[in-house]
Each structure stands twice: as C-alpha cells, then as structure tokens.
N, C-alpha and C. Protein backbone atom coordinates (compact mmCIF):
# COMPACT_ATOMS: atom_id res chain seq x y z
N UNK A 1 -1.89 -7.39 -97.30
CA UNK A 1 -0.77 -7.42 -96.39
C UNK A 1 0.52 -7.27 -97.19
N UNK A 2 1.27 -6.38 -96.70
CA UNK A 2 2.57 -6.23 -97.38
C UNK A 2 3.63 -6.99 -96.64
N UNK A 3 4.84 -6.95 -97.13
CA UNK A 3 5.92 -7.73 -96.59
C UNK A 3 6.32 -7.26 -95.19
N UNK A 4 6.20 -5.95 -94.94
CA UNK A 4 6.55 -5.40 -93.63
C UNK A 4 5.59 -5.88 -92.56
N UNK A 5 4.31 -5.94 -92.85
CA UNK A 5 3.33 -6.40 -91.90
C UNK A 5 3.53 -7.93 -91.65
N UNK A 6 3.83 -8.61 -92.68
CA UNK A 6 4.05 -10.05 -92.54
C UNK A 6 5.29 -10.34 -91.69
N UNK A 7 6.34 -9.54 -91.90
CA UNK A 7 7.57 -9.67 -91.13
C UNK A 7 7.29 -9.36 -89.65
N UNK A 8 6.47 -8.32 -89.39
CA UNK A 8 6.14 -7.95 -87.99
C UNK A 8 5.32 -9.07 -87.35
N UNK A 9 4.37 -9.63 -88.12
CA UNK A 9 3.57 -10.72 -87.57
C UNK A 9 4.42 -11.94 -87.28
N UNK A 10 5.37 -12.23 -88.15
CA UNK A 10 6.25 -13.36 -87.94
C UNK A 10 7.13 -13.13 -86.67
N UNK A 11 7.61 -11.91 -86.48
CA UNK A 11 8.42 -11.59 -85.30
C UNK A 11 7.59 -11.71 -84.05
N UNK A 12 6.34 -11.25 -84.09
CA UNK A 12 5.46 -11.33 -82.93
C UNK A 12 5.19 -12.79 -82.61
N UNK A 13 4.89 -13.61 -83.60
CA UNK A 13 4.61 -15.01 -83.37
C UNK A 13 5.87 -15.71 -82.83
N UNK A 14 7.01 -15.37 -83.38
CA UNK A 14 8.25 -15.94 -82.91
C UNK A 14 8.49 -15.57 -81.44
N UNK A 15 8.23 -14.35 -81.07
CA UNK A 15 8.40 -13.91 -79.68
C UNK A 15 7.43 -14.65 -78.77
N UNK A 16 6.17 -14.78 -79.19
CA UNK A 16 5.17 -15.48 -78.40
C UNK A 16 5.54 -16.95 -78.21
N UNK A 17 6.03 -17.59 -79.26
CA UNK A 17 6.44 -18.98 -79.17
C UNK A 17 7.62 -19.13 -78.20
N UNK A 18 8.58 -18.20 -78.27
CA UNK A 18 9.74 -18.22 -77.35
C UNK A 18 9.29 -18.07 -75.90
N UNK A 19 8.36 -17.15 -75.65
CA UNK A 19 7.83 -16.97 -74.28
C UNK A 19 7.10 -18.20 -73.85
N UNK A 20 6.28 -18.77 -74.74
CA UNK A 20 5.57 -19.98 -74.36
C UNK A 20 6.52 -21.16 -74.07
N UNK A 21 7.58 -21.29 -74.81
CA UNK A 21 8.55 -22.35 -74.53
C UNK A 21 9.27 -22.08 -73.20
N UNK A 22 9.58 -20.83 -72.93
CA UNK A 22 10.21 -20.48 -71.65
C UNK A 22 9.30 -20.81 -70.47
N UNK A 23 8.01 -20.47 -70.61
CA UNK A 23 7.05 -20.77 -69.52
C UNK A 23 6.91 -22.27 -69.35
N UNK A 24 6.83 -22.98 -70.47
CA UNK A 24 6.73 -24.45 -70.39
C UNK A 24 7.95 -25.05 -69.74
N UNK A 25 9.14 -24.59 -70.09
CA UNK A 25 10.36 -25.09 -69.47
C UNK A 25 10.40 -24.82 -67.99
N UNK A 26 9.93 -23.62 -67.58
CA UNK A 26 9.89 -23.28 -66.16
C UNK A 26 8.93 -24.19 -65.39
N UNK A 27 7.73 -24.44 -65.96
CA UNK A 27 6.75 -25.29 -65.32
C UNK A 27 7.28 -26.71 -65.22
N UNK A 28 7.90 -27.19 -66.26
CA UNK A 28 8.44 -28.58 -66.24
C UNK A 28 9.57 -28.70 -65.21
N UNK A 29 10.43 -27.68 -65.12
CA UNK A 29 11.51 -27.76 -64.14
C UNK A 29 10.97 -27.73 -62.73
N UNK A 30 9.93 -26.94 -62.47
CA UNK A 30 9.33 -26.89 -61.16
C UNK A 30 8.69 -28.24 -60.83
N UNK A 31 8.05 -28.86 -61.82
CA UNK A 31 7.43 -30.15 -61.62
C UNK A 31 8.48 -31.19 -61.36
N UNK A 32 9.61 -31.14 -62.07
CA UNK A 32 10.71 -32.09 -61.86
C UNK A 32 11.26 -31.93 -60.45
N UNK A 33 11.42 -30.68 -59.99
CA UNK A 33 11.88 -30.44 -58.63
C UNK A 33 10.88 -31.02 -57.64
N UNK A 34 9.63 -30.81 -57.88
CA UNK A 34 8.59 -31.34 -56.99
C UNK A 34 8.63 -32.85 -56.99
N UNK A 35 8.79 -33.47 -58.14
CA UNK A 35 8.86 -34.91 -58.23
C UNK A 35 10.09 -35.43 -57.45
N UNK A 36 11.19 -34.74 -57.57
CA UNK A 36 12.40 -35.11 -56.81
C UNK A 36 12.16 -35.00 -55.31
N UNK A 37 11.49 -33.95 -54.89
CA UNK A 37 11.20 -33.80 -53.49
C UNK A 37 10.26 -34.90 -53.00
N UNK A 38 9.25 -35.23 -53.77
CA UNK A 38 8.32 -36.30 -53.43
C UNK A 38 9.08 -37.63 -53.32
N UNK A 39 9.97 -37.90 -54.25
CA UNK A 39 10.73 -39.13 -54.22
C UNK A 39 11.61 -39.16 -52.94
N UNK A 40 12.24 -38.03 -52.60
CA UNK A 40 13.05 -37.97 -51.40
C UNK A 40 12.20 -38.23 -50.16
N UNK A 41 11.01 -37.61 -50.10
CA UNK A 41 10.12 -37.82 -48.96
C UNK A 41 9.67 -39.29 -48.87
N UNK A 42 9.37 -39.87 -50.01
CA UNK A 42 8.97 -41.30 -49.99
C UNK A 42 10.09 -42.16 -49.44
N UNK A 43 11.30 -41.87 -49.87
CA UNK A 43 12.45 -42.65 -49.37
C UNK A 43 12.59 -42.49 -47.86
N UNK A 44 12.42 -41.27 -47.38
CA UNK A 44 12.53 -41.01 -45.94
C UNK A 44 11.38 -41.73 -45.19
N UNK A 45 10.18 -41.71 -45.71
CA UNK A 45 9.07 -42.36 -45.06
C UNK A 45 9.27 -43.87 -45.00
N UNK A 46 9.78 -44.43 -46.08
CA UNK A 46 10.05 -45.88 -46.10
C UNK A 46 11.09 -46.21 -45.04
N UNK A 47 12.14 -45.40 -44.95
CA UNK A 47 13.20 -45.65 -43.93
C UNK A 47 12.60 -45.54 -42.53
N UNK A 48 11.76 -44.55 -42.30
CA UNK A 48 11.14 -44.42 -40.98
C UNK A 48 10.21 -45.56 -40.66
N UNK A 49 9.45 -45.99 -41.65
CA UNK A 49 8.56 -47.15 -41.44
C UNK A 49 9.35 -48.39 -41.06
N UNK A 50 10.48 -48.59 -41.72
CA UNK A 50 11.31 -49.73 -41.39
C UNK A 50 11.87 -49.66 -39.99
N UNK A 51 12.27 -48.50 -39.57
CA UNK A 51 12.77 -48.31 -38.20
C UNK A 51 11.67 -48.56 -37.18
N UNK A 52 10.45 -48.07 -37.46
CA UNK A 52 9.32 -48.25 -36.55
C UNK A 52 8.96 -49.72 -36.47
N UNK A 53 9.05 -50.41 -37.59
CA UNK A 53 8.71 -51.83 -37.62
C UNK A 53 9.66 -52.64 -36.74
N UNK A 54 10.88 -52.17 -36.57
CA UNK A 54 11.88 -52.90 -35.76
C UNK A 54 11.83 -52.52 -34.30
N UNK A 55 11.03 -51.55 -33.93
CA UNK A 55 10.92 -51.15 -32.51
C UNK A 55 10.16 -52.21 -31.74
N UNK A 56 10.46 -52.37 -30.45
CA UNK A 56 9.69 -53.36 -29.67
C UNK A 56 8.26 -52.88 -29.44
N UNK A 57 7.40 -53.84 -29.29
CA UNK A 57 5.98 -53.55 -29.05
C UNK A 57 5.78 -53.23 -27.55
N UNK A 58 4.59 -52.77 -27.21
CA UNK A 58 4.28 -52.48 -25.83
C UNK A 58 4.37 -53.75 -24.96
N UNK A 59 3.91 -54.84 -25.52
CA UNK A 59 3.95 -56.14 -24.82
C UNK A 59 5.41 -56.54 -24.58
N UNK A 60 6.27 -56.38 -25.57
CA UNK A 60 7.66 -56.74 -25.40
C UNK A 60 8.34 -55.87 -24.33
N UNK A 61 7.99 -54.58 -24.31
CA UNK A 61 8.53 -53.68 -23.27
C UNK A 61 8.08 -54.11 -21.90
N UNK A 62 6.83 -54.49 -21.78
CA UNK A 62 6.31 -54.93 -20.51
C UNK A 62 7.04 -56.22 -20.02
N UNK A 63 7.28 -57.16 -20.94
CA UNK A 63 8.03 -58.36 -20.61
C UNK A 63 9.44 -58.01 -20.17
N UNK A 64 10.05 -57.06 -20.85
CA UNK A 64 11.39 -56.63 -20.48
C UNK A 64 11.43 -56.04 -19.11
N UNK A 65 10.42 -55.24 -18.77
CA UNK A 65 10.36 -54.66 -17.44
C UNK A 65 10.22 -55.73 -16.35
N UNK A 66 9.43 -56.75 -16.61
CA UNK A 66 9.29 -57.88 -15.70
C UNK A 66 10.62 -58.58 -15.52
N UNK A 67 11.31 -58.85 -16.61
CA UNK A 67 12.60 -59.51 -16.56
C UNK A 67 13.62 -58.67 -15.81
N UNK A 68 13.59 -57.35 -16.04
CA UNK A 68 14.51 -56.46 -15.31
C UNK A 68 14.23 -56.48 -13.82
N UNK A 69 12.94 -56.53 -13.43
CA UNK A 69 12.58 -56.61 -12.03
C UNK A 69 13.11 -57.89 -11.42
N UNK A 70 12.96 -58.99 -12.15
CA UNK A 70 13.46 -60.29 -11.63
C UNK A 70 14.97 -60.27 -11.49
N UNK A 71 15.63 -59.68 -12.46
CA UNK A 71 17.10 -59.58 -12.42
C UNK A 71 17.55 -58.72 -11.26
N UNK A 72 16.85 -57.65 -11.01
CA UNK A 72 17.18 -56.77 -9.88
C UNK A 72 17.00 -57.51 -8.56
N UNK A 73 15.94 -58.29 -8.44
CA UNK A 73 15.75 -59.04 -7.22
C UNK A 73 16.84 -60.06 -7.02
N UNK A 74 17.26 -60.73 -8.09
CA UNK A 74 18.33 -61.70 -7.97
C UNK A 74 19.65 -61.02 -7.59
N UNK A 75 19.93 -59.86 -8.15
CA UNK A 75 21.14 -59.16 -7.79
C UNK A 75 21.13 -58.68 -6.33
N UNK A 76 19.98 -58.26 -5.85
CA UNK A 76 19.86 -57.87 -4.44
C UNK A 76 20.12 -59.09 -3.56
N UNK A 77 19.58 -60.21 -3.94
CA UNK A 77 19.79 -61.46 -3.18
C UNK A 77 21.26 -61.85 -3.15
N UNK A 78 21.91 -61.72 -4.27
CA UNK A 78 23.37 -62.04 -4.36
C UNK A 78 24.15 -61.07 -3.50
N UNK A 79 23.75 -59.80 -3.47
CA UNK A 79 24.39 -58.81 -2.62
C UNK A 79 24.31 -59.16 -1.16
N UNK A 80 23.10 -59.59 -0.73
CA UNK A 80 22.89 -59.99 0.69
C UNK A 80 23.78 -61.19 0.97
N UNK A 81 23.81 -62.15 0.09
CA UNK A 81 24.62 -63.34 0.31
C UNK A 81 26.11 -63.03 0.38
N UNK A 82 26.56 -62.11 -0.49
CA UNK A 82 27.96 -61.72 -0.46
C UNK A 82 28.32 -60.99 0.83
N UNK A 83 27.43 -60.16 1.34
CA UNK A 83 27.64 -59.46 2.60
C UNK A 83 27.79 -60.50 3.73
N UNK A 84 26.90 -61.44 3.76
CA UNK A 84 26.95 -62.50 4.80
C UNK A 84 28.23 -63.32 4.67
N UNK A 85 28.60 -63.65 3.45
CA UNK A 85 29.82 -64.41 3.23
C UNK A 85 31.05 -63.61 3.65
N UNK A 86 31.02 -62.33 3.37
CA UNK A 86 32.14 -61.47 3.77
C UNK A 86 32.29 -61.44 5.27
N UNK A 87 31.17 -61.36 5.99
CA UNK A 87 31.25 -61.41 7.48
C UNK A 87 31.81 -62.75 7.97
N UNK A 88 31.42 -63.83 7.35
CA UNK A 88 31.97 -65.13 7.75
C UNK A 88 33.45 -65.22 7.49
N UNK A 89 33.87 -64.72 6.34
CA UNK A 89 35.30 -64.77 6.02
C UNK A 89 36.09 -63.91 7.02
N UNK A 90 35.56 -62.77 7.41
CA UNK A 90 36.23 -61.92 8.37
C UNK A 90 36.31 -62.63 9.74
N UNK A 91 35.24 -63.31 10.11
CA UNK A 91 35.27 -64.05 11.37
C UNK A 91 36.30 -65.20 11.33
N UNK A 92 36.34 -65.91 10.23
CA UNK A 92 37.30 -66.97 10.07
C UNK A 92 38.71 -66.40 10.11
N UNK A 93 38.91 -65.27 9.45
CA UNK A 93 40.23 -64.61 9.45
C UNK A 93 40.59 -64.19 10.86
N UNK A 94 39.68 -63.59 11.60
CA UNK A 94 39.92 -63.20 12.99
C UNK A 94 40.30 -64.42 13.84
N UNK A 95 39.53 -65.49 13.65
CA UNK A 95 39.81 -66.73 14.41
C UNK A 95 41.22 -67.27 14.13
N UNK A 96 41.56 -67.30 12.83
CA UNK A 96 42.87 -67.83 12.48
C UNK A 96 43.99 -66.92 12.98
N UNK A 97 43.77 -65.63 12.93
CA UNK A 97 44.78 -64.72 13.42
C UNK A 97 44.98 -64.89 14.94
N UNK A 98 43.90 -65.09 15.67
CA UNK A 98 43.99 -65.33 17.10
C UNK A 98 44.69 -66.64 17.40
N UNK A 99 44.38 -67.66 16.59
CA UNK A 99 45.04 -68.97 16.77
C UNK A 99 46.54 -68.88 16.56
N UNK A 100 46.93 -68.03 15.64
CA UNK A 100 48.32 -67.85 15.31
C UNK A 100 49.01 -66.93 16.32
N UNK A 101 48.21 -66.16 17.00
CA UNK A 101 48.74 -65.20 17.95
C UNK A 101 49.07 -63.86 17.32
N UNK A 102 48.50 -63.59 16.20
CA UNK A 102 48.79 -62.36 15.47
C UNK A 102 48.06 -61.13 15.98
N UNK A 103 46.88 -61.31 16.54
CA UNK A 103 46.09 -60.13 16.98
C UNK A 103 46.11 -59.98 18.41
C-alpha cells in the first residue's frame, strides 16, 4: 500500500464515520422528540384522569335528580300558596276599598 491508497482509505473511513454520526444524531433526535411527545401525552392523561375522578358518580347523579324533583314539587306548592294568598289580598283590598267608598 502506498501513501495515496492509505490517504484514500482514510478519507473513505472518515466519510463513513461522519455519515454514521449523522444517522446516529438523527435517530437520537427522533427518539428525543418521541420521548417528549410521550411525556406530553402522559401529562394530558394524568390531567384527564384527575378530572374524571372528580366527576359525580351515577349514584350521585340519581340522588341529585331525586333532590331536584323534591325541590320542584316544593316550588310548585309555594306557587299555589302564593296564588291563593294573592287572591286573598285582592279580596281584602276590594273589601277595604268598598268600606272606604273608593270603588
């Protein structure tokens, strides 16, 4: 082997090492991006799990519906009582106006 062949071999090896380092760097950067994406997804999943954990259960929703039904019934009853009271107040007002001679 002469010096020229040795120089060519060294250049070829240097080129191959540079290409190998470039490919390695590309693979590592892709893996780092993938790791970052996985970390982001894990964070999102943890946040979603925490939100789901705070949601009411089916039993709690059923109890709430029962309570809402009871509240609605009470409000309807109060409405009926207010209507009756309003009629009484009107009758008293009419009576007092007649007593005074206003109507």
